[in-house]
């Protein structure tokens, strides 16, 4: 089973992705984690990414797609993956379609966790209080910037999947367990 999770920062994607991992044995692929690992490993893609990042440039779609393709060839990904933080652009979504088609891989679910963005600020404040400010990005200012980036860059990918009839929406304003139940219902329908 292969799943893409969308939602603004603070929507609960990480929490829900971990529940899916635990319940279904999928591998969560986070492009940020993959970039750091590729750089640390000194792989060819990692060196390309590091060069771009050192110049203050975004890592190209080709490099990101290459990393995902390489990672999905690993044995632990044969049961399926959750893509988190990818695709971020329509070009990346189209490249992912081509990669999946070439590998005879099926995209089973595209799930958007919708939330009331005003409520996200309260969530971030609560998380900061609960963790003692352990995450430096748990501030209203950082959330505001991250939401801006999400709306400018990632949210435009949603109509791409909606137009293809692949986008499913869950109500992220429910409890964690209720959101998980909505997602599980979608995943069960795909199994």
N, C-alpha and C. Protein backbone atom coordinates (compact mmCIF):
# COMPACT_ATOMS: atom_id res chain seq x y z
N UNK A 1 0.85 -1.17 0.00
CA UNK A 1 0.00 0.00 0.00
C UNK A 1 0.90 1.24 0.00
N UNK A 2 0.60 2.18 -0.87
CA UNK A 2 1.37 3.41 -0.98
C UNK A 2 0.44 4.59 -0.77
N UNK A 3 0.84 5.48 0.15
CA UNK A 3 -0.02 6.55 0.62
C UNK A 3 0.73 7.88 0.57
N UNK A 4 0.03 8.94 0.18
CA UNK A 4 0.56 10.29 0.31
C UNK A 4 -0.31 11.01 1.34
N UNK A 5 0.34 11.65 2.30
CA UNK A 5 -0.37 12.45 3.31
C UNK A 5 -0.10 13.92 3.07
N UNK A 6 -1.18 14.70 3.00
CA UNK A 6 -1.08 16.15 2.87
C UNK A 6 -1.75 16.79 4.07
N UNK A 7 -1.36 18.01 4.34
CA UNK A 7 -1.97 18.81 5.39
C UNK A 7 -0.98 19.87 5.82
N UNK A 8 -1.50 20.98 6.31
CA UNK A 8 -0.61 22.06 6.74
C UNK A 8 0.19 21.66 7.97
N UNK A 9 1.24 22.41 8.27
CA UNK A 9 2.02 22.14 9.48
C UNK A 9 1.10 22.15 10.71
N UNK A 10 1.28 21.18 11.57
CA UNK A 10 0.47 21.11 12.79
C UNK A 10 -0.83 20.35 12.62
N UNK A 11 -1.10 19.83 11.41
CA UNK A 11 -2.36 19.12 11.15
C UNK A 11 -2.37 17.73 11.77
N UNK A 12 -1.20 17.22 12.13
CA UNK A 12 -1.13 15.88 12.72
C UNK A 12 -0.64 14.82 11.76
N UNK A 13 0.00 15.22 10.65
CA UNK A 13 0.50 14.25 9.68
C UNK A 13 1.50 13.28 10.31
N UNK A 14 2.40 13.80 11.10
CA UNK A 14 3.42 12.94 11.72
C UNK A 14 2.81 11.92 12.66
N UNK A 15 1.86 12.37 13.46
CA UNK A 15 1.17 11.47 14.40
C UNK A 15 0.43 10.39 13.64
N UNK A 16 -0.31 10.79 12.61
CA UNK A 16 -1.10 9.82 11.85
C UNK A 16 -0.20 8.89 11.02
N UNK A 17 0.88 9.43 10.48
CA UNK A 17 1.81 8.59 9.71
C UNK A 17 2.37 7.49 10.61
N UNK A 18 2.72 7.83 11.85
CA UNK A 18 3.27 6.82 12.76
C UNK A 18 2.23 5.75 13.07
N UNK A 19 0.98 6.13 13.21
CA UNK A 19 -0.08 5.14 13.45
C UNK A 19 -0.23 4.20 12.25
N UNK A 20 -0.12 4.75 11.03
CA UNK A 20 -0.21 3.93 9.82
C UNK A 20 0.98 2.97 9.76
N UNK A 21 2.16 3.48 10.08
CA UNK A 21 3.37 2.64 10.10
C UNK A 21 3.15 1.47 11.06
N UNK A 22 2.68 1.79 12.27
CA UNK A 22 2.49 0.75 13.30
C UNK A 22 1.42 -0.27 12.88
N UNK A 23 0.34 0.21 12.27
CA UNK A 23 -0.78 -0.67 11.93
C UNK A 23 -0.53 -1.49 10.67
N UNK A 24 0.22 -0.96 9.72
CA UNK A 24 0.32 -1.60 8.41
C UNK A 24 1.74 -1.99 8.01
N UNK A 25 2.72 -1.62 8.81
CA UNK A 25 4.09 -1.98 8.49
C UNK A 25 4.66 -1.24 7.29
N UNK A 26 4.10 -0.08 6.99
CA UNK A 26 4.62 0.73 5.89
C UNK A 26 5.86 1.49 6.36
N UNK A 27 6.62 1.96 5.41
CA UNK A 27 7.80 2.77 5.70
C UNK A 27 7.45 4.23 5.41
N UNK A 28 7.73 5.10 6.38
CA UNK A 28 7.48 6.52 6.18
C UNK A 28 8.69 7.14 5.51
N UNK A 29 8.48 7.72 4.34
CA UNK A 29 9.56 8.38 3.61
C UNK A 29 9.40 9.88 3.74
N UNK A 30 10.28 10.48 4.49
CA UNK A 30 10.31 11.93 4.65
C UNK A 30 11.47 12.45 3.82
N UNK A 31 11.18 13.34 2.88
CA UNK A 31 12.24 13.81 1.99
C UNK A 31 13.35 14.53 2.76
N UNK A 32 12.98 15.25 3.81
CA UNK A 32 14.00 15.91 4.62
C UNK A 32 14.95 14.91 5.26
N UNK A 33 14.38 13.85 5.86
CA UNK A 33 15.21 12.80 6.46
C UNK A 33 16.07 12.11 5.41
N UNK A 34 15.47 11.88 4.24
CA UNK A 34 16.20 11.20 3.17
C UNK A 34 17.38 12.05 2.68
N UNK A 35 17.16 13.35 2.57
CA UNK A 35 18.25 14.23 2.14
C UNK A 35 19.40 14.20 3.15
N UNK A 36 19.06 14.30 4.42
CA UNK A 36 20.10 14.28 5.46
C UNK A 36 20.86 12.96 5.44
N UNK A 37 20.14 11.85 5.27
CA UNK A 37 20.78 10.53 5.24
C UNK A 37 21.67 10.37 4.01
N UNK A 38 21.20 10.84 2.85
CA UNK A 38 21.99 10.73 1.61
C UNK A 38 23.26 11.56 1.71
N UNK A 39 23.15 12.72 2.32
CA UNK A 39 24.33 13.58 2.50
C UNK A 39 25.31 12.92 3.47
N UNK A 40 24.78 12.39 4.59
CA UNK A 40 25.63 11.73 5.58
C UNK A 40 26.33 10.50 4.99
N UNK A 41 25.63 9.79 4.11
CA UNK A 41 26.19 8.58 3.49
C UNK A 41 27.19 8.91 2.38
N UNK A 42 27.18 10.15 1.91
CA UNK A 42 28.10 10.54 0.85
C UNK A 42 27.74 9.95 -0.51
N UNK A 43 26.46 9.58 -0.69
CA UNK A 43 26.02 9.01 -1.96
C UNK A 43 26.10 10.07 -3.07
N UNK A 44 26.04 9.60 -4.31
CA UNK A 44 26.09 10.54 -5.43
C UNK A 44 24.95 11.56 -5.33
N UNK A 45 23.73 11.07 -5.07
CA UNK A 45 22.60 11.99 -4.91
C UNK A 45 22.80 12.90 -3.71
N UNK A 46 23.34 12.37 -2.64
CA UNK A 46 23.60 13.18 -1.46
C UNK A 46 24.59 14.29 -1.74
N UNK A 47 25.64 13.96 -2.51
CA UNK A 47 26.62 14.99 -2.87
C UNK A 47 26.01 16.06 -3.75
N UNK A 48 25.13 15.65 -4.69
CA UNK A 48 24.44 16.64 -5.52
C UNK A 48 23.57 17.54 -4.67
N UNK A 49 22.83 16.92 -3.74
CA UNK A 49 21.94 17.69 -2.88
C UNK A 49 22.73 18.65 -2.00
N UNK A 50 23.83 18.17 -1.43
CA UNK A 50 24.65 19.01 -0.56
C UNK A 50 25.20 20.21 -1.31
N UNK A 51 25.64 19.98 -2.54
CA UNK A 51 26.17 21.07 -3.36
C UNK A 51 25.10 22.15 -3.56
N UNK A 52 23.89 21.73 -3.91
CA UNK A 52 22.80 22.69 -4.11
C UNK A 52 22.45 23.41 -2.80
N UNK A 53 22.36 22.65 -1.73
CA UNK A 53 21.97 23.24 -0.45
C UNK A 53 23.04 24.21 0.05
N UNK A 54 24.31 23.87 -0.16
CA UNK A 54 25.40 24.76 0.25
C UNK A 54 25.37 26.08 -0.49
N UNK A 55 24.79 26.06 -1.70
CA UNK A 55 24.65 27.29 -2.49
C UNK A 55 23.35 28.03 -2.15
N UNK A 56 22.59 27.48 -1.21
CA UNK A 56 21.33 28.09 -0.82
C UNK A 56 20.20 27.84 -1.80
N UNK A 57 20.37 26.84 -2.65
CA UNK A 57 19.36 26.53 -3.66
C UNK A 57 18.50 25.36 -3.21
N UNK A 58 17.28 25.30 -3.77
CA UNK A 58 16.41 24.16 -3.52
C UNK A 58 16.95 22.95 -4.27
N UNK A 59 16.77 21.79 -3.66
CA UNK A 59 17.18 20.56 -4.32
C UNK A 59 16.20 20.31 -5.46
N UNK A 60 16.72 20.01 -6.64
CA UNK A 60 15.89 19.88 -7.83
C UNK A 60 14.95 18.68 -7.73
N UNK A 61 13.88 18.76 -8.51
CA UNK A 61 12.92 17.66 -8.58
C UNK A 61 13.61 16.36 -8.99
N UNK A 62 14.55 16.44 -9.94
CA UNK A 62 15.24 15.24 -10.41
C UNK A 62 15.98 14.54 -9.28
N UNK A 63 16.65 15.32 -8.44
CA UNK A 63 17.40 14.74 -7.32
C UNK A 63 16.44 14.12 -6.31
N UNK A 64 15.37 14.84 -5.99
CA UNK A 64 14.40 14.32 -5.02
C UNK A 64 13.75 13.04 -5.55
N UNK A 65 13.30 13.06 -6.80
CA UNK A 65 12.68 11.88 -7.41
C UNK A 65 13.67 10.72 -7.42
N UNK A 66 14.91 11.01 -7.76
CA UNK A 66 15.94 9.97 -7.76
C UNK A 66 16.12 9.34 -6.39
N UNK A 67 16.12 10.17 -5.35
CA UNK A 67 16.26 9.64 -3.99
C UNK A 67 15.07 8.76 -3.63
N UNK A 68 13.87 9.20 -3.96
CA UNK A 68 12.68 8.41 -3.64
C UNK A 68 12.69 7.11 -4.42
N UNK A 69 13.04 7.17 -5.70
CA UNK A 69 13.10 5.96 -6.51
C UNK A 69 14.11 4.97 -5.95
N UNK A 70 15.29 5.46 -5.58
CA UNK A 70 16.32 4.59 -4.98
C UNK A 70 15.83 3.98 -3.68
N UNK A 71 15.21 4.80 -2.85
CA UNK A 71 14.77 4.31 -1.54
C UNK A 71 13.64 3.29 -1.69
N UNK A 72 12.75 3.51 -2.65
CA UNK A 72 11.63 2.59 -2.83
C UNK A 72 12.07 1.23 -3.37
N UNK A 73 13.30 1.17 -3.90
CA UNK A 73 13.84 -0.11 -4.36
C UNK A 73 14.37 -0.96 -3.21
N UNK A 74 14.51 -0.37 -2.03
CA UNK A 74 14.98 -1.12 -0.86
C UNK A 74 13.92 -2.13 -0.43
N UNK A 75 14.38 -3.27 0.05
CA UNK A 75 13.48 -4.36 0.44
C UNK A 75 12.43 -3.95 1.46
N UNK A 76 12.81 -3.07 2.41
CA UNK A 76 11.86 -2.72 3.46
C UNK A 76 10.69 -1.88 2.95
N UNK A 77 10.78 -1.40 1.71
CA UNK A 77 9.69 -0.59 1.13
C UNK A 77 8.74 -1.42 0.27
N UNK A 78 8.99 -2.71 0.15
CA UNK A 78 8.17 -3.56 -0.73
C UNK A 78 6.72 -3.64 -0.25
N UNK A 79 6.50 -3.52 1.06
CA UNK A 79 5.14 -3.59 1.61
C UNK A 79 4.38 -2.28 1.38
N UNK A 80 5.11 -1.21 1.09
CA UNK A 80 4.48 0.08 0.83
C UNK A 80 5.11 1.19 1.63
N UNK A 81 4.76 2.42 1.23
CA UNK A 81 5.34 3.60 1.86
C UNK A 81 4.28 4.67 2.11
N UNK A 82 4.62 5.55 3.03
CA UNK A 82 3.87 6.78 3.25
C UNK A 82 4.79 7.90 2.82
N UNK A 83 4.37 8.68 1.86
CA UNK A 83 5.15 9.83 1.42
C UNK A 83 4.72 11.04 2.23
N UNK A 84 5.67 11.62 2.91
CA UNK A 84 5.43 12.74 3.81
C UNK A 84 6.34 13.88 3.36
N UNK A 85 5.75 15.00 2.98
CA UNK A 85 6.57 16.11 2.50
C UNK A 85 6.89 16.00 1.02
N UNK A 86 6.19 15.14 0.34
CA UNK A 86 6.41 14.94 -1.09
C UNK A 86 5.16 14.32 -1.68
N UNK A 87 4.70 14.72 -2.83
CA UNK A 87 5.25 15.78 -3.68
C UNK A 87 4.84 17.16 -3.19
N UNK A 88 5.70 18.13 -3.43
CA UNK A 88 5.44 19.51 -3.03
C UNK A 88 5.04 20.40 -4.20
N UNK A 89 5.19 19.89 -5.41
CA UNK A 89 4.81 20.67 -6.60
C UNK A 89 4.08 19.74 -7.57
N UNK A 90 3.34 20.33 -8.50
CA UNK A 90 2.66 19.52 -9.52
C UNK A 90 3.70 18.79 -10.37
N UNK A 91 4.83 19.43 -10.64
CA UNK A 91 5.89 18.76 -11.42
C UNK A 91 6.37 17.51 -10.69
N UNK A 92 6.53 17.60 -9.36
CA UNK A 92 6.94 16.42 -8.59
C UNK A 92 5.85 15.35 -8.61
N UNK A 93 4.58 15.76 -8.54
CA UNK A 93 3.47 14.80 -8.58
C UNK A 93 3.47 14.06 -9.92
N UNK A 94 3.69 14.79 -11.00
CA UNK A 94 3.71 14.16 -12.32
C UNK A 94 4.92 13.22 -12.45
N UNK A 95 6.06 13.64 -11.91
CA UNK A 95 7.25 12.78 -11.95
C UNK A 95 7.03 11.52 -11.11
N UNK A 96 6.34 11.66 -10.00
CA UNK A 96 6.02 10.50 -9.17
C UNK A 96 5.11 9.54 -9.93
N UNK A 97 4.13 10.07 -10.65
CA UNK A 97 3.26 9.23 -11.48
C UNK A 97 4.08 8.43 -12.49
N UNK A 98 5.02 9.08 -13.14
CA UNK A 98 5.86 8.42 -14.14
C UNK A 98 6.70 7.32 -13.47
N UNK A 99 7.29 7.65 -12.31
CA UNK A 99 8.11 6.69 -11.59
C UNK A 99 7.28 5.47 -11.17
N UNK A 100 6.08 5.72 -10.63
CA UNK A 100 5.22 4.62 -10.21
C UNK A 100 4.81 3.77 -11.42
N UNK A 101 4.45 4.41 -12.53
CA UNK A 101 4.04 3.67 -13.72
C UNK A 101 5.20 2.80 -14.23
N UNK A 102 6.40 3.36 -14.25
CA UNK A 102 7.57 2.62 -14.73
C UNK A 102 7.88 1.42 -13.84
N UNK A 103 7.63 1.56 -12.55
CA UNK A 103 7.90 0.47 -11.61
C UNK A 103 6.69 -0.40 -11.34
N UNK A 104 5.60 -0.16 -12.07
CA UNK A 104 4.35 -0.90 -11.86
C UNK A 104 3.91 -0.83 -10.39
N UNK A 105 4.01 0.38 -9.84
CA UNK A 105 3.65 0.63 -8.44
C UNK A 105 2.32 1.38 -8.42
N UNK A 106 1.46 1.00 -7.51
CA UNK A 106 0.14 1.63 -7.41
C UNK A 106 0.14 2.66 -6.27
N UNK A 107 -0.45 3.81 -6.53
CA UNK A 107 -0.71 4.80 -5.48
C UNK A 107 -2.10 4.50 -4.95
N UNK A 108 -2.17 4.06 -3.70
CA UNK A 108 -3.44 3.58 -3.14
C UNK A 108 -4.29 4.68 -2.52
N UNK A 109 -3.66 5.64 -1.86
CA UNK A 109 -4.43 6.69 -1.20
C UNK A 109 -3.65 8.00 -1.22
N UNK A 110 -4.39 9.07 -1.48
CA UNK A 110 -3.90 10.44 -1.31
C UNK A 110 -4.85 11.06 -0.30
N UNK A 111 -4.33 11.38 0.87
CA UNK A 111 -5.18 11.83 1.97
C UNK A 111 -4.75 13.23 2.42
N UNK A 112 -5.72 14.11 2.46
CA UNK A 112 -5.49 15.45 2.99
C UNK A 112 -6.14 15.53 4.37
N UNK A 113 -5.35 15.93 5.35
CA UNK A 113 -5.89 16.17 6.69
C UNK A 113 -6.22 17.66 6.75
N UNK A 114 -7.53 17.97 6.68
CA UNK A 114 -7.97 19.36 6.70
C UNK A 114 -8.17 19.82 8.13
N UNK A 115 -7.72 21.04 8.40
CA UNK A 115 -7.86 21.62 9.73
C UNK A 115 -8.22 23.09 9.63
N UNK A 116 -8.80 23.59 10.69
CA UNK A 116 -9.05 25.02 10.84
C UNK A 116 -7.72 25.65 11.22
N UNK A 117 -7.19 26.48 10.34
CA UNK A 117 -5.85 27.00 10.57
C UNK A 117 -5.75 27.86 11.82
N UNK A 118 -6.82 28.53 12.20
CA UNK A 118 -6.79 29.31 13.44
C UNK A 118 -6.53 28.39 14.62
N UNK A 119 -7.08 27.18 14.56
CA UNK A 119 -6.89 26.22 15.65
C UNK A 119 -5.46 25.69 15.69
N UNK A 120 -4.76 25.76 14.57
CA UNK A 120 -3.38 25.27 14.54
C UNK A 120 -2.49 26.06 15.50
N UNK A 121 -2.76 27.35 15.61
CA UNK A 121 -1.93 28.16 16.51
C UNK A 121 -2.08 27.69 17.95
N UNK A 122 -3.30 27.34 18.34
CA UNK A 122 -3.52 26.81 19.69
C UNK A 122 -2.82 25.46 19.85
N UNK A 123 -2.88 24.63 18.82
CA UNK A 123 -2.20 23.33 18.88
C UNK A 123 -0.70 23.49 19.07
N UNK A 124 -0.13 24.42 18.31
CA UNK A 124 1.32 24.65 18.40
C UNK A 124 1.68 25.16 19.79
N UNK A 125 0.87 26.08 20.33
CA UNK A 125 1.12 26.59 21.68
C UNK A 125 1.03 25.47 22.70
N UNK A 126 0.03 24.58 22.56
CA UNK A 126 -0.12 23.45 23.48
C UNK A 126 1.08 22.51 23.38
N UNK A 127 1.50 22.21 22.14
CA UNK A 127 2.63 21.30 21.96
C UNK A 127 3.89 21.91 22.57
N UNK A 128 4.08 23.21 22.38
CA UNK A 128 5.25 23.88 22.96
C UNK A 128 5.22 23.79 24.48
N UNK A 129 4.02 23.98 25.07
CA UNK A 129 3.89 23.90 26.53
C UNK A 129 4.15 22.48 27.02
N UNK A 130 3.61 21.47 26.29
CA UNK A 130 3.77 20.07 26.70
C UNK A 130 5.21 19.60 26.59
N UNK A 131 5.95 20.12 25.60
CA UNK A 131 7.32 19.65 25.38
C UNK A 131 8.36 20.60 25.98
N UNK A 132 7.89 21.64 26.64
CA UNK A 132 8.82 22.61 27.21
C UNK A 132 9.60 23.37 26.16
N UNK A 133 8.98 23.54 24.99
CA UNK A 133 9.64 24.27 23.91
C UNK A 133 10.77 23.49 23.26
N UNK A 134 10.68 22.15 23.31
CA UNK A 134 11.74 21.30 22.76
C UNK A 134 11.94 21.51 21.26
N UNK A 135 10.87 21.88 20.57
CA UNK A 135 10.98 22.12 19.12
C UNK A 135 11.07 23.62 18.88
N UNK A 136 12.14 24.03 18.24
CA UNK A 136 12.35 25.46 18.00
C UNK A 136 11.33 26.04 17.03
N UNK A 137 10.65 25.17 16.27
CA UNK A 137 9.68 25.68 15.30
C UNK A 137 8.27 25.78 15.88
N UNK A 138 8.11 25.55 17.16
CA UNK A 138 6.79 25.63 17.81
C UNK A 138 6.50 27.05 18.29
N UNK A 139 6.46 27.99 17.34
CA UNK A 139 6.09 29.37 17.66
C UNK A 139 5.08 29.85 16.63
N UNK A 140 4.30 30.83 17.01
CA UNK A 140 3.29 31.37 16.09
C UNK A 140 3.95 31.97 14.85
N UNK A 141 5.09 32.63 15.04
CA UNK A 141 5.77 33.26 13.91
C UNK A 141 6.24 32.21 12.90
N UNK A 142 6.83 31.13 13.41
CA UNK A 142 7.31 30.08 12.52
C UNK A 142 6.13 29.40 11.83
N UNK A 143 5.05 29.13 12.59
CA UNK A 143 3.88 28.50 12.00
C UNK A 143 3.30 29.37 10.89
N UNK A 144 3.23 30.67 11.13
CA UNK A 144 2.70 31.57 10.11
C UNK A 144 3.51 31.48 8.82
N UNK A 145 4.83 31.45 8.94
CA UNK A 145 5.70 31.34 7.76
C UNK A 145 5.52 29.98 7.09
N UNK A 146 5.44 28.90 7.89
CA UNK A 146 5.29 27.56 7.33
C UNK A 146 3.94 27.41 6.62
N UNK A 147 2.89 28.04 7.17
CA UNK A 147 1.59 28.00 6.50
C UNK A 147 1.64 28.75 5.17
N UNK A 148 2.35 29.87 5.15
CA UNK A 148 2.49 30.64 3.91
C UNK A 148 3.17 29.78 2.85
N UNK A 149 4.26 29.12 3.22
CA UNK A 149 4.98 28.25 2.29
C UNK A 149 4.08 27.10 1.83
N UNK A 150 3.32 26.52 2.76
CA UNK A 150 2.42 25.42 2.42
C UNK A 150 1.40 25.87 1.37
N UNK A 151 0.80 27.03 1.60
CA UNK A 151 -0.24 27.52 0.67
C UNK A 151 0.34 27.90 -0.69
N UNK A 152 1.55 28.43 -0.70
CA UNK A 152 2.17 28.84 -1.96
C UNK A 152 2.70 27.65 -2.76
N UNK A 153 3.25 26.66 -2.06
CA UNK A 153 3.97 25.59 -2.74
C UNK A 153 3.25 24.25 -2.77
N UNK A 154 2.75 23.80 -1.64
CA UNK A 154 2.22 22.44 -1.56
C UNK A 154 0.73 22.37 -1.85
N UNK A 155 -0.06 23.29 -1.31
CA UNK A 155 -1.52 23.23 -1.51
C UNK A 155 -1.92 23.19 -2.99
N UNK A 156 -1.18 23.85 -3.91
CA UNK A 156 -1.55 23.75 -5.32
C UNK A 156 -1.48 22.33 -5.90
N UNK A 157 -0.85 21.39 -5.20
CA UNK A 157 -0.79 20.01 -5.67
C UNK A 157 -2.14 19.31 -5.44
N UNK A 158 -2.90 19.78 -4.46
CA UNK A 158 -4.17 19.12 -4.12
C UNK A 158 -5.14 19.05 -5.31
N UNK A 159 -5.34 20.13 -6.08
CA UNK A 159 -6.24 20.03 -7.23
C UNK A 159 -5.77 19.01 -8.27
N UNK A 160 -4.48 18.80 -8.37
CA UNK A 160 -3.95 17.79 -9.30
C UNK A 160 -4.54 16.42 -8.96
N UNK A 161 -4.49 16.06 -7.68
CA UNK A 161 -5.02 14.76 -7.26
C UNK A 161 -6.55 14.76 -7.23
N UNK A 162 -7.14 15.91 -6.88
CA UNK A 162 -8.61 16.00 -6.88
C UNK A 162 -9.15 15.78 -8.29
N UNK A 163 -8.52 16.42 -9.28
CA UNK A 163 -8.95 16.29 -10.67
C UNK A 163 -8.80 14.86 -11.18
N UNK A 164 -7.88 14.10 -10.62
CA UNK A 164 -7.68 12.71 -11.00
C UNK A 164 -8.59 11.77 -10.21
N UNK A 165 -9.39 12.33 -9.28
CA UNK A 165 -10.29 11.52 -8.47
C UNK A 165 -9.57 10.72 -7.40
N UNK A 166 -8.37 11.15 -7.02
CA UNK A 166 -7.58 10.39 -6.05
C UNK A 166 -7.55 11.01 -4.65
N UNK A 167 -7.99 12.25 -4.51
CA UNK A 167 -7.85 12.94 -3.23
C UNK A 167 -9.01 12.60 -2.30
N UNK A 168 -8.67 12.17 -1.09
CA UNK A 168 -9.64 11.93 -0.03
C UNK A 168 -9.32 12.89 1.11
N UNK A 169 -10.36 13.42 1.73
CA UNK A 169 -10.19 14.41 2.78
C UNK A 169 -10.72 13.85 4.09
N UNK A 170 -9.93 14.05 5.16
CA UNK A 170 -10.39 13.69 6.50
C UNK A 170 -10.43 14.96 7.35
N UNK A 171 -11.31 14.95 8.33
CA UNK A 171 -11.49 16.09 9.22
C UNK A 171 -10.45 16.03 10.33
N UNK A 172 -9.43 16.84 10.19
CA UNK A 172 -8.35 16.86 11.16
C UNK A 172 -8.67 17.59 12.45
N UNK A 173 -9.88 18.10 12.56
CA UNK A 173 -10.27 18.81 13.79
C UNK A 173 -10.85 17.85 14.83
N UNK A 174 -10.99 16.60 14.48
CA UNK A 174 -11.47 15.59 15.42
C UNK A 174 -10.31 15.16 16.33
N UNK A 175 -10.61 14.29 17.27
CA UNK A 175 -9.54 13.78 18.15
C UNK A 175 -8.57 12.95 17.32
N UNK A 176 -7.39 12.71 17.86
CA UNK A 176 -6.38 11.91 17.17
C UNK A 176 -6.95 10.55 16.80
N UNK A 177 -7.67 9.92 17.72
CA UNK A 177 -8.25 8.60 17.46
C UNK A 177 -9.31 8.66 16.37
N UNK A 178 -10.12 9.73 16.36
CA UNK A 178 -11.16 9.85 15.33
C UNK A 178 -10.56 10.09 13.95
N UNK A 179 -9.49 10.89 13.89
CA UNK A 179 -8.80 11.12 12.62
C UNK A 179 -8.19 9.80 12.15
N UNK A 180 -7.58 9.07 13.07
CA UNK A 180 -6.99 7.77 12.72
C UNK A 180 -8.06 6.82 12.19
N UNK A 181 -9.25 6.84 12.79
CA UNK A 181 -10.33 5.96 12.32
C UNK A 181 -10.77 6.34 10.91
N UNK A 182 -10.84 7.64 10.61
CA UNK A 182 -11.20 8.08 9.26
C UNK A 182 -10.15 7.59 8.24
N UNK A 183 -8.89 7.74 8.61
CA UNK A 183 -7.81 7.31 7.72
C UNK A 183 -7.84 5.80 7.55
N UNK A 184 -8.03 5.08 8.63
CA UNK A 184 -8.07 3.62 8.57
C UNK A 184 -9.20 3.14 7.67
N UNK A 185 -10.34 3.83 7.72
CA UNK A 185 -11.45 3.48 6.85
C UNK A 185 -11.07 3.62 5.38
N UNK A 186 -10.34 4.68 5.04
CA UNK A 186 -9.88 4.87 3.66
C UNK A 186 -8.86 3.80 3.27
N UNK A 187 -7.95 3.49 4.18
CA UNK A 187 -6.92 2.49 3.89
C UNK A 187 -7.54 1.11 3.71
N UNK A 188 -8.52 0.79 4.53
CA UNK A 188 -9.21 -0.52 4.44
C UNK A 188 -9.91 -0.65 3.10
N UNK A 189 -10.47 0.45 2.61
CA UNK A 189 -11.16 0.42 1.32
C UNK A 189 -10.17 0.16 0.17
N UNK A 190 -8.90 0.49 0.38
CA UNK A 190 -7.87 0.30 -0.64
C UNK A 190 -7.26 -1.09 -0.62
N UNK A 191 -7.37 -1.73 0.52
CA UNK A 191 -6.66 -3.02 0.72
C UNK A 191 -7.25 -4.13 -0.13
